[in-house]
All heavy atoms as atom14 arrays in JSON, in Angstrom:
{
  "sequence": "VPAVSRGYDGGKKINGGRRHVITDSLGLVLMVLVTAANITDRQAAR",
  "atom14_mask": [
    [1, 1, 1, 1, 1, 1, 1, 0, 0, 0, 0, 0, 0, 0],
    [1, 1, 1, 1, 1, 1, 1, 0, 0, 0, 0, 0, 0, 0],
    [1, 1, 1, 1, 1, 0, 0, 0, 0, 0, 0, 0, 0, 0],
    [1, 1, 1, 1, 1, 1, 1, 0, 0, 0, 0, 0, 0, 0],
    [1, 1, 1, 1, 1, 1, 0, 0, 0, 0, 0, 0, 0, 0],
    [1, 1, 1, 1, 1, 1, 1, 1, 1, 1, 1, 0, 0, 0],
    [1, 1, 1, 1, 0, 0, 0, 0, 0, 0, 0, 0, 0, 0],
    [1, 1, 1, 1, 1, 1, 1, 1, 1, 1, 1, 1, 0, 0],
    [1, 1, 1, 1, 1, 1, 1, 1, 0, 0, 0, 0, 0, 0],
    [1, 1, 1, 1, 0, 0, 0, 0, 0, 0, 0, 0, 0, 0],
    [1, 1, 1, 1, 0, 0, 0, 0, 0, 0, 0, 0, 0, 0],
    [1, 1, 1, 1, 1, 1, 1, 1, 1, 0, 0, 0, 0, 0],
    [1, 1, 1, 1, 1, 1, 1, 1, 1, 0, 0, 0, 0, 0],
    [1, 1, 1, 1, 1, 1, 1, 1, 0, 0, 0, 0, 0, 0],
    [1, 1, 1, 1, 1, 1, 1, 1, 0, 0, 0, 0, 0, 0],
    [1, 1, 1, 1, 0, 0, 0, 0, 0, 0, 0, 0, 0, 0],
    [1, 1, 1, 1, 0, 0, 0, 0, 0, 0, 0, 0, 0, 0],
    [1, 1, 1, 1, 1, 1, 1, 1, 1, 1, 1, 0, 0, 0],
    [1, 1, 1, 1, 1, 1, 1, 1, 1, 1, 1, 0, 0, 0],
    [1, 1, 1, 1, 1, 1, 1, 1, 1, 1, 0, 0, 0, 0],
    [1, 1, 1, 1, 1, 1, 1, 0, 0, 0, 0, 0, 0, 0],
    [1, 1, 1, 1, 1, 1, 1, 1, 0, 0, 0, 0, 0, 0],
    [1, 1, 1, 1, 1, 1, 1, 0, 0, 0, 0, 0, 0, 0],
    [1, 1, 1, 1, 1, 1, 1, 1, 0, 0, 0, 0, 0, 0],
    [1, 1, 1, 1, 1, 1, 0, 0, 0, 0, 0, 0, 0, 0],
    [1, 1, 1, 1, 1, 1, 1, 1, 0, 0, 0, 0, 0, 0],
    [1, 1, 1, 1, 0, 0, 0, 0, 0, 0, 0, 0, 0, 0],
    [1, 1, 1, 1, 1, 1, 1, 1, 0, 0, 0, 0, 0, 0],
    [1, 1, 1, 1, 1, 1, 1, 0, 0, 0, 0, 0, 0, 0],
    [1, 1, 1, 1, 1, 1, 1, 1, 0, 0, 0, 0, 0, 0],
    [1, 1, 1, 1, 1, 1, 1, 1, 0, 0, 0, 0, 0, 0],
    [1, 1, 1, 1, 1, 1, 1, 0, 0, 0, 0, 0, 0, 0],
    [1, 1, 1, 1, 1, 1, 1, 1, 0, 0, 0, 0, 0, 0],
    [1, 1, 1, 1, 1, 1, 1, 0, 0, 0, 0, 0, 0, 0],
    [1, 1, 1, 1, 1, 1, 1, 0, 0, 0, 0, 0, 0, 0],
    [1, 1, 1, 1, 1, 0, 0, 0, 0, 0, 0, 0, 0, 0],
    [1, 1, 1, 1, 1, 0, 0, 0, 0, 0, 0, 0, 0, 0],
    [1, 1, 1, 1, 1, 1, 1, 1, 0, 0, 0, 0, 0, 0],
    [1, 1, 1, 1, 1, 1, 1, 1, 0, 0, 0, 0, 0, 0],
    [1, 1, 1, 1, 1, 1, 1, 0, 0, 0, 0, 0, 0, 0],
    [1, 1, 1, 1, 1, 1, 1, 1, 0, 0, 0, 0, 0, 0],
    [1, 1, 1, 1, 1, 1, 1, 1, 1, 1, 1, 0, 0, 0],
    [1, 1, 1, 1, 1, 1, 1, 1, 1, 0, 0, 0, 0, 0],
    [1, 1, 1, 1, 1, 0, 0, 0, 0, 0, 0, 0, 0, 0],
    [1, 1, 1, 1, 1, 0, 0, 0, 0, 0, 0, 0, 0, 0],
    [1, 1, 1, 1, 1, 1, 1, 1, 1, 1, 1, 0, 0, 0]
  ],
  "atom14_positions": [
    [[5.68, 7.11, -14.07], [6.14, 6.19, -13.03], [6.47, 4.85, -13.67], [5.65, 4.31, -14.42], [5.07, 6.02, -11.93], [5.49, 4.99, -10.91], [4.77, 7.35, -11.26], [0.0, 0.0, 0.0], [0.0, 0.0, 0.0], [0.0, 0.0, 0.0], [0.0, 0.0, 0.0], [0.0, 0.0, 0.0], [0.0, 0.0, 0.0], [0.0, 0.0, 0.0]],
    [[7.66, 4.3, -13.42], [8.04, 3.03, -14.04], [7.06, 1.9, -13.73], [6.51, 1.83, -12.63], [9.41, 2.72, -13.44], [9.9, 4.01, -12.89], [8.7, 4.83, -12.56], [0.0, 0.0, 0.0], [0.0, 0.0, 0.0], [0.0, 0.0, 0.0], [0.0, 0.0, 0.0], [0.0, 0.0, 0.0], [0.0, 0.0, 0.0], [0.0, 0.0, 0.0]],
    [[6.82, 1.04, -14.69], [5.85, -0.05, -14.55], [6.24, -1.02, -13.43], [5.36, -1.61, -12.81], [5.72, -0.81, -15.87], [0.0, 0.0, 0.0], [0.0, 0.0, 0.0], [0.0, 0.0, 0.0], [0.0, 0.0, 0.0], [0.0, 0.0, 0.0], [0.0, 0.0, 0.0], [0.0, 0.0, 0.0], [0.0, 0.0, 0.0], [0.0, 0.0, 0.0]],
    [[7.54, -1.16, -13.14], [7.96, -2.09, -12.08], [7.53, -1.64, -10.7], [7.42, -2.45, -9.79], [9.49, -2.32, -12.11], [9.92, -3.0, -13.38], [10.25, -1.02, -11.91], [0.0, 0.0, 0.0], [0.0, 0.0, 0.0], [0.0, 0.0, 0.0], [0.0, 0.0, 0.0], [0.0, 0.0, 0.0], [0.0, 0.0, 0.0], [0.0, 0.0, 0.0]],
    [[7.27, -0.34, -10.52], [6.86, 0.15, -9.2], [5.34, 0.37, -9.12], [4.85, 0.87, -8.13], [7.59, 1.44, -8.86], [7.26, 2.46, -9.78], [0.0, 0.0, 0.0], [0.0, 0.0, 0.0], [0.0, 0.0, 0.0], [0.0, 0.0, 0.0], [0.0, 0.0, 0.0], [0.0, 0.0, 0.0], [0.0, 0.0, 0.0], [0.0, 0.0, 0.0]],
    [[4.62, 0.01, -10.19], [3.16, 0.14, -10.2], [2.54, -1.24, -10.16], [3.16, -2.24, -10.49], [2.69, 0.84, -11.47], [2.95, 2.31, -11.47], [2.34, 2.96, -12.67], [3.11, 2.58, -13.87], [2.65, 2.69, -15.09], [1.44, 3.12, -15.32], [3.4, 2.36, -16.11], [0.0, 0.0, 0.0], [0.0, 0.0, 0.0], [0.0, 0.0, 0.0]],
    [[1.27, -1.28, -9.79], [0.51, -2.52, -9.8], [-0.95, -2.18, -9.98], [-1.33, -1.01, -9.94], [0.0, 0.0, 0.0], [0.0, 0.0, 0.0], [0.0, 0.0, 0.0], [0.0, 0.0, 0.0], [0.0, 0.0, 0.0], [0.0, 0.0, 0.0], [0.0, 0.0, 0.0], [0.0, 0.0, 0.0], [0.0, 0.0, 0.0], [0.0, 0.0, 0.0]],
    [[-1.78, -3.21, -10.17], [-3.2, -2.97, -10.39], [-3.98, -3.47, -9.19], [-3.91, -4.65, -8.84], [-3.66, -3.67, -11.67], [-5.08, -3.35, -12.02], [-5.44, -2.1, -12.51], [-6.08, -4.29, -11.83], [-6.75, -1.79, -12.82], [-7.4, -3.99, -12.15], [-7.73, -2.74, -12.64], [-9.02, -2.44, -12.94], [0.0, 0.0, 0.0], [0.0, 0.0, 0.0]],
    [[-4.72, -2.58, -8.56], [-5.62, -2.92, -7.45], [-6.97, -3.25, -8.07], [-7.72, -2.34, -8.45], [-5.73, -1.75, -6.48], [-6.63, -2.05, -5.29], [-7.26, -3.13, -5.27], [-6.7, -1.19, -4.39], [0.0, 0.0, 0.0], [0.0, 0.0, 0.0], [0.0, 0.0, 0.0], [0.0, 0.0, 0.0], [0.0, 0.0, 0.0], [0.0, 0.0, 0.0]],
    [[-7.28, -4.54, -8.19], [-8.51, -4.96, -8.84], [-9.76, -4.55, -8.09], [-10.8, -4.3, -8.7], [0.0, 0.0, 0.0], [0.0, 0.0, 0.0], [0.0, 0.0, 0.0], [0.0, 0.0, 0.0], [0.0, 0.0, 0.0], [0.0, 0.0, 0.0], [0.0, 0.0, 0.0], [0.0, 0.0, 0.0], [0.0, 0.0, 0.0], [0.0, 0.0, 0.0]],
    [[-9.69, -4.45, -6.76], [-10.85, -4.06, -5.98], [-11.26, -2.62, -6.22], [-12.44, -2.29, -6.29], [0.0, 0.0, 0.0], [0.0, 0.0, 0.0], [0.0, 0.0, 0.0], [0.0, 0.0, 0.0], [0.0, 0.0, 0.0], [0.0, 0.0, 0.0], [0.0, 0.0, 0.0], [0.0, 0.0, 0.0], [0.0, 0.0, 0.0], [0.0, 0.0, 0.0]],
    [[-10.29, -1.75, -6.36], [-10.57, -0.33, -6.56], [-10.34, 0.11, -8.0], [-10.52, 1.28, -8.32], [-9.71, 0.5, -5.61], [-10.05, 0.22, -4.16], [-9.25, 1.05, -3.21], [-9.62, 0.68, -1.78], [-8.72, 1.22, -0.82], [0.0, 0.0, 0.0], [0.0, 0.0, 0.0], [0.0, 0.0, 0.0], [0.0, 0.0, 0.0], [0.0, 0.0, 0.0]],
    [[-9.89, -0.83, -8.81], [-9.63, -0.54, -10.23], [-8.67, 0.64, -10.41], [-8.94, 1.57, -11.16], [-10.94, -0.32, -10.98], [-11.83, -1.56, -10.99], [-13.1, -1.31, -11.73], [-13.93, -2.55, -11.87], [-14.3, -3.22, -10.66], [0.0, 0.0, 0.0], [0.0, 0.0, 0.0], [0.0, 0.0, 0.0], [0.0, 0.0, 0.0], [0.0, 0.0, 0.0]],
    [[-7.56, 0.55, -9.7], [-6.56, 1.61, -9.75], [-5.22, 1.02, -10.17], [-4.76, 0.02, -9.6], [-6.42, 2.32, -8.39], [-7.68, 3.13, -8.11], [-5.19, 3.2, -8.34], [-7.68, 3.85, -6.79], [0.0, 0.0, 0.0], [0.0, 0.0, 0.0], [0.0, 0.0, 0.0], [0.0, 0.0, 0.0], [0.0, 0.0, 0.0], [0.0, 0.0, 0.0]],
    [[-4.59, 1.63, -11.15], [-3.26, 1.26, -11.58], [-2.29, 2.25, -10.95], [-2.31, 3.43, -11.28], [-3.15, 1.3, -13.11], [-1.8, 0.82, -13.6], [-1.01, 0.26, -12.83], [-1.54, 1.04, -14.86], [0.0, 0.0, 0.0], [0.0, 0.0, 0.0], [0.0, 0.0, 0.0], [0.0, 0.0, 0.0], [0.0, 0.0, 0.0], [0.0, 0.0, 0.0]],
    [[-1.49, 1.82, -10.01], [-0.6, 2.75, -9.33], [0.1, 2.12, -8.14], [0.61, 1.01, -8.21], [0.0, 0.0, 0.0], [0.0, 0.0, 0.0], [0.0, 0.0, 0.0], [0.0, 0.0, 0.0], [0.0, 0.0, 0.0], [0.0, 0.0, 0.0], [0.0, 0.0, 0.0], [0.0, 0.0, 0.0], [0.0, 0.0, 0.0], [0.0, 0.0, 0.0]],
    [[0.09, 2.84, -7.05], [0.78, 2.41, -5.85], [-0.16, 2.35, -4.66], [-1.33, 2.72, -4.75], [0.0, 0.0, 0.0], [0.0, 0.0, 0.0], [0.0, 0.0, 0.0], [0.0, 0.0, 0.0], [0.0, 0.0, 0.0], [0.0, 0.0, 0.0], [0.0, 0.0, 0.0], [0.0, 0.0, 0.0], [0.0, 0.0, 0.0], [0.0, 0.0, 0.0]],
    [[0.36, 1.87, -3.55], [-0.43, 1.77, -2.33], [0.42, 2.19, -1.15], [1.57, 1.8, -1.03], [-0.92, 0.34, -2.15], [-1.82, 0.19, -0.95], [-2.37, -1.19, -0.84], [-3.52, -1.28, -1.74], [-4.3, -2.34, -1.8], [-4.06, -3.4, -1.06], [-5.32, -2.37, -2.62], [0.0, 0.0, 0.0], [0.0, 0.0, 0.0], [0.0, 0.0, 0.0]],
    [[-0.18, 3.01, -0.29], [0.47, 3.43, 0.96], [-0.09, 2.6, 2.1], [-1.28, 2.66, 2.39], [0.18, 4.91, 1.23], [0.75, 5.83, 0.21], [0.49, 7.28, 0.58], [-0.9, 7.66, 0.33], [-1.27, 8.64, -0.47], [-0.36, 9.35, -1.11], [-2.54, 8.93, -0.63], [0.0, 0.0, 0.0], [0.0, 0.0, 0.0], [0.0, 0.0, 0.0]],
    [[0.76, 1.82, 2.73], [0.38, 1.02, 3.9], [0.83, 1.8, 5.13], [2.0, 2.18, 5.22], [1.06, -0.35, 3.87], [0.75, -1.13, 2.63], [-0.35, -1.93, 2.51], [1.4, -1.2, 1.44], [-0.37, -2.48, 1.31], [0.7, -2.06, 0.64], [0.0, 0.0, 0.0], [0.0, 0.0, 0.0], [0.0, 0.0, 0.0], [0.0, 0.0, 0.0]],
    [[-0.08, 2.01, 6.06], [0.23, 2.81, 7.25], [-0.17, 2.03, 8.49], [-1.26, 1.45, 8.55], [-0.53, 4.16, 7.21], [-0.21, 4.98, 8.44], [-0.2, 4.93, 5.96], [0.0, 0.0, 0.0], [0.0, 0.0, 0.0], [0.0, 0.0, 0.0], [0.0, 0.0, 0.0], [0.0, 0.0, 0.0], [0.0, 0.0, 0.0], [0.0, 0.0, 0.0]],
    [[0.71, 2.03, 9.47], [0.39, 1.47, 10.79], [0.38, 2.64, 11.76], [1.35, 3.39, 11.84], [1.4, 0.4, 11.24], [1.42, -0.76, 10.26], [1.06, -0.09, 12.64], [2.42, -1.85, 10.6], [0.0, 0.0, 0.0], [0.0, 0.0, 0.0], [0.0, 0.0, 0.0], [0.0, 0.0, 0.0], [0.0, 0.0, 0.0], [0.0, 0.0, 0.0]],
    [[-0.74, 2.8, 12.47], [-0.88, 3.89, 13.44], [-1.18, 3.32, 14.82], [-1.54, 2.15, 14.96], [-2.03, 4.85, 13.06], [-3.27, 4.16, 13.16], [-1.85, 5.39, 11.65], [0.0, 0.0, 0.0], [0.0, 0.0, 0.0], [0.0, 0.0, 0.0], [0.0, 0.0, 0.0], [0.0, 0.0, 0.0], [0.0, 0.0, 0.0], [0.0, 0.0, 0.0]],
    [[-1.05, 4.18, 15.82], [-1.49, 3.78, 17.16], [-2.97, 4.11, 17.29], [-3.62, 4.53, 16.33], [-0.64, 4.46, 18.24], [-0.81, 5.96, 18.32], [-1.62, 6.52, 17.55], [-0.13, 6.59, 19.14], [0.0, 0.0, 0.0], [0.0, 0.0, 0.0], [0.0, 0.0, 0.0], [0.0, 0.0, 0.0], [0.0, 0.0, 0.0], [0.0, 0.0, 0.0]],
    [[-3.53, 3.93, 18.47], [-4.97, 4.13, 18.66], [-5.39, 5.59, 18.55], [-6.57, 5.89, 18.38], [-5.42, 3.56, 20.01], [-4.68, 4.17, 21.05], [0.0, 0.0, 0.0], [0.0, 0.0, 0.0], [0.0, 0.0, 0.0], [0.0, 0.0, 0.0], [0.0, 0.0, 0.0], [0.0, 0.0, 0.0], [0.0, 0.0, 0.0], [0.0, 0.0, 0.0]],
    [[-4.44, 6.52, 18.61], [-4.74, 7.94, 18.42], [-4.6, 8.38, 16.97], [-4.86, 9.53, 16.64], [-3.81, 8.8, 19.3], [-3.96, 8.65, 20.81], [-2.92, 9.48, 21.53], [-5.36, 9.02, 21.25], [0.0, 0.0, 0.0], [0.0, 0.0, 0.0], [0.0, 0.0, 0.0], [0.0, 0.0, 0.0], [0.0, 0.0, 0.0], [0.0, 0.0, 0.0]],
    [[-4.16, 7.47, 16.11], [-3.96, 7.81, 14.71], [-2.59, 8.37, 14.41], [-2.35, 8.89, 13.32], [0.0, 0.0, 0.0], [0.0, 0.0, 0.0], [0.0, 0.0, 0.0], [0.0, 0.0, 0.0], [0.0, 0.0, 0.0], [0.0, 0.0, 0.0], [0.0, 0.0, 0.0], [0.0, 0.0, 0.0], [0.0, 0.0, 0.0], [0.0, 0.0, 0.0]],
    [[-1.67, 8.27, 15.37], [-0.3, 8.76, 15.17], [0.52, 7.69, 14.44], [0.48, 6.52, 14.8], [0.33, 9.11, 16.52], [-0.44, 10.15, 17.34], [0.17, 10.29, 18.72], [-0.47, 11.48, 16.62], [0.0, 0.0, 0.0], [0.0, 0.0, 0.0], [0.0, 0.0, 0.0], [0.0, 0.0, 0.0], [0.0, 0.0, 0.0], [0.0, 0.0, 0.0]],
    [[1.27, 8.11, 13.45], [1.98, 7.18, 12.57], [3.09, 6.44, 13.32], [3.92, 7.04, 13.99], [2.57, 7.94, 11.37], [3.41, 7.01, 10.5], [1.46, 8.56, 10.54], [0.0, 0.0, 0.0], [0.0, 0.0, 0.0], [0.0, 0.0, 0.0], [0.0, 0.0, 0.0], [0.0, 0.0, 0.0], [0.0, 0.0, 0.0], [0.0, 0.0, 0.0]],
    [[3.09, 5.11, 13.13], [4.16, 4.27, 13.65], [5.07, 3.8, 12.53], [6.28, 3.7, 12.71], [3.58, 3.05, 14.38], [2.67, 3.32, 15.57], [2.11, 2.01, 16.11], [3.4, 4.09, 16.64], [0.0, 0.0, 0.0], [0.0, 0.0, 0.0], [0.0, 0.0, 0.0], [0.0, 0.0, 0.0], [0.0, 0.0, 0.0], [0.0, 0.0, 0.0]],
    [[4.48, 3.51, 11.35], [5.28, 3.01, 10.24], [4.52, 3.22, 8.93], [3.3, 3.15, 8.91], [5.57, 1.52, 10.44], [6.49, 0.93, 9.41], [6.88, -0.8, 9.78], [8.09, -0.58, 11.05], [0.0, 0.0, 0.0], [0.0, 0.0, 0.0], [0.0, 0.0, 0.0], [0.0, 0.0, 0.0], [0.0, 0.0, 0.0], [0.0, 0.0, 0.0]],
    [[5.28, 3.46, 7.85], [4.69, 3.64, 6.52], [5.5, 2.82, 5.52], [6.73, 2.75, 5.62], [4.73, 5.13, 6.08], [4.22, 5.29, 4.67], [3.95, 6.0, 7.04], [0.0, 0.0, 0.0], [0.0, 0.0, 0.0], [0.0, 0.0, 0.0], [0.0, 0.0, 0.0], [0.0, 0.0, 0.0], [0.0, 0.0, 0.0], [0.0, 0.0, 0.0]],
    [[4.8, 2.2, 4.57], [5.46, 1.46, 3.51], [4.71, 1.75, 2.22], [3.48, 1.65, 2.17], [5.43, -0.05, 3.79], [6.0, -0.96, 2.71], [7.51, -0.75, 2.56], [5.69, -2.41, 3.03], [0.0, 0.0, 0.0], [0.0, 0.0, 0.0], [0.0, 0.0, 0.0], [0.0, 0.0, 0.0], [0.0, 0.0, 0.0], [0.0, 0.0, 0.0]],
    [[5.42, 2.11, 1.16], [4.81, 2.36, -0.14], [5.16, 1.2, -1.06], [6.34, 0.84, -1.19], [5.3, 3.7, -0.75], [4.69, 3.93, -2.12], [4.98, 4.85, 0.19], [0.0, 0.0, 0.0], [0.0, 0.0, 0.0], [0.0, 0.0, 0.0], [0.0, 0.0, 0.0], [0.0, 0.0, 0.0], [0.0, 0.0, 0.0], [0.0, 0.0, 0.0]],
    [[4.13, 0.6, -1.65], [4.32, -0.55, -2.54], [3.5, -0.36, -3.81], [2.77, 0.62, -3.96], [3.83, -1.86, -1.86], [2.42, -1.78, -1.67], [4.54, -2.1, -0.54], [0.0, 0.0, 0.0], [0.0, 0.0, 0.0], [0.0, 0.0, 0.0], [0.0, 0.0, 0.0], [0.0, 0.0, 0.0], [0.0, 0.0, 0.0], [0.0, 0.0, 0.0]],
    [[3.6, -1.32, -4.7], [2.73, -1.36, -5.88], [1.31, -1.62, -5.4], [1.11, -2.23, -4.34], [3.19, -2.45, -6.83], [0.0, 0.0, 0.0], [0.0, 0.0, 0.0], [0.0, 0.0, 0.0], [0.0, 0.0, 0.0], [0.0, 0.0, 0.0], [0.0, 0.0, 0.0], [0.0, 0.0, 0.0], [0.0, 0.0, 0.0], [0.0, 0.0, 0.0]],
    [[0.31, -1.2, -6.17], [-1.09, -1.3, -5.73], [-1.59, -2.73, -5.6], [-2.57, -2.98, -4.91], [-1.98, -0.53, -6.7], [0.0, 0.0, 0.0], [0.0, 0.0, 0.0], [0.0, 0.0, 0.0], [0.0, 0.0, 0.0], [0.0, 0.0, 0.0], [0.0, 0.0, 0.0], [0.0, 0.0, 0.0], [0.0, 0.0, 0.0], [0.0, 0.0, 0.0]],
    [[-0.94, -3.69, -6.24], [-1.41, -5.07, -6.15], [-0.96, -5.77, -4.87], [-1.33, -6.91, -4.63], [-0.96, -5.86, -7.38], [0.55, -5.92, -7.52], [1.25, -4.96, -7.19], [1.06, -7.03, -8.01], [0.0, 0.0, 0.0], [0.0, 0.0, 0.0], [0.0, 0.0, 0.0], [0.0, 0.0, 0.0], [0.0, 0.0, 0.0], [0.0, 0.0, 0.0]],
    [[-0.19, -5.12, -4.02], [0.24, -5.69, -2.74], [-0.85, -5.45, -1.71], [-1.24, -4.32, -1.46], [1.58, -5.07, -2.26], [2.66, -5.23, -3.33], [2.0, -5.66, -0.93], [3.02, -6.66, -3.66], [0.0, 0.0, 0.0], [0.0, 0.0, 0.0], [0.0, 0.0, 0.0], [0.0, 0.0, 0.0], [0.0, 0.0, 0.0], [0.0, 0.0, 0.0]],
    [[-1.35, -6.52, -1.1], [-2.44, -6.4, -0.14], [-1.92, -6.0, 1.24], [-0.71, -6.06, 1.51], [-3.19, -7.74, 0.01], [-2.3, -8.71, 0.57], [-3.72, -8.23, -1.33], [0.0, 0.0, 0.0], [0.0, 0.0, 0.0], [0.0, 0.0, 0.0], [0.0, 0.0, 0.0], [0.0, 0.0, 0.0], [0.0, 0.0, 0.0], [0.0, 0.0, 0.0]],
    [[-2.84, -5.61, 2.13], [-2.46, -5.28, 3.51], [-1.78, -6.47, 4.17], [-0.8, -6.32, 4.9], [-3.69, -4.9, 4.33], [-4.18, -3.5, 4.06], [-3.51, -2.74, 3.34], [-5.24, -3.16, 4.6], [0.0, 0.0, 0.0], [0.0, 0.0, 0.0], [0.0, 0.0, 0.0], [0.0, 0.0, 0.0], [0.0, 0.0, 0.0], [0.0, 0.0, 0.0]],
    [[-2.31, -7.64, 3.94], [-1.76, -8.84, 4.56], [-0.31, -9.08, 4.1], [0.56, -9.4, 4.9], [-2.64, -10.03, 4.21], [-2.19, -11.3, 4.85], [-3.08, -12.44, 4.38], [-2.62, -13.65, 5.01], [-3.38, -14.42, 5.74], [-4.63, -14.11, 5.92], [-2.89, -15.51, 6.27], [0.0, 0.0, 0.0], [0.0, 0.0, 0.0], [0.0, 0.0, 0.0]],
    [[-0.06, -8.94, 2.8], [1.3, -9.13, 2.28], [2.25, -8.07, 2.84], [3.38, -8.38, 3.21], [1.29, -9.07, 0.75], [0.58, -10.25, 0.1], [0.34, -10.02, -1.37], [0.1, -8.89, -1.81], [0.39, -11.09, -2.16], [0.0, 0.0, 0.0], [0.0, 0.0, 0.0], [0.0, 0.0, 0.0], [0.0, 0.0, 0.0], [0.0, 0.0, 0.0]],
    [[1.8, -6.84, 2.89], [2.64, -5.77, 3.43], [2.9, -5.99, 4.92], [4.0, -5.73, 5.41], [1.99, -4.41, 3.21], [0.0, 0.0, 0.0], [0.0, 0.0, 0.0], [0.0, 0.0, 0.0], [0.0, 0.0, 0.0], [0.0, 0.0, 0.0], [0.0, 0.0, 0.0], [0.0, 0.0, 0.0], [0.0, 0.0, 0.0], [0.0, 0.0, 0.0]],
    [[1.89, -6.47, 5.63], [2.03, -6.69, 7.07], [3.1, -7.73, 7.39], [3.78, -7.63, 8.41], [0.69, -7.12, 7.68], [0.0, 0.0, 0.0], [0.0, 0.0, 0.0], [0.0, 0.0, 0.0], [0.0, 0.0, 0.0], [0.0, 0.0, 0.0], [0.0, 0.0, 0.0], [0.0, 0.0, 0.0], [0.0, 0.0, 0.0], [0.0, 0.0, 0.0]],
    [[3.27, -8.69, 6.52], [4.3, -9.73, 6.75], [5.69, -9.13, 6.85], [6.54, -9.63, 7.56], [4.25, -10.77, 5.64], [3.11, -11.7, 5.8], [3.28, -12.94, 4.94], [2.16, -13.83, 5.22], [1.4, -14.35, 4.3], [1.64, -14.11, 3.03], [0.4, -15.14, 4.63], [0.0, 0.0, 0.0], [0.0, 0.0, 0.0], [0.0, 0.0, 0.0]]
  ]
}
């Protein structure tokens, strides 16, 4: 996987990507975004 699409998640010590998911109260998917692992939930939510 190209380095530009990877990041380091310091909290989980993972070098890779992150799947951000927004669901409804039943757990049904509303939206998905895949980013580098160093992108936080807050940054993705923006």
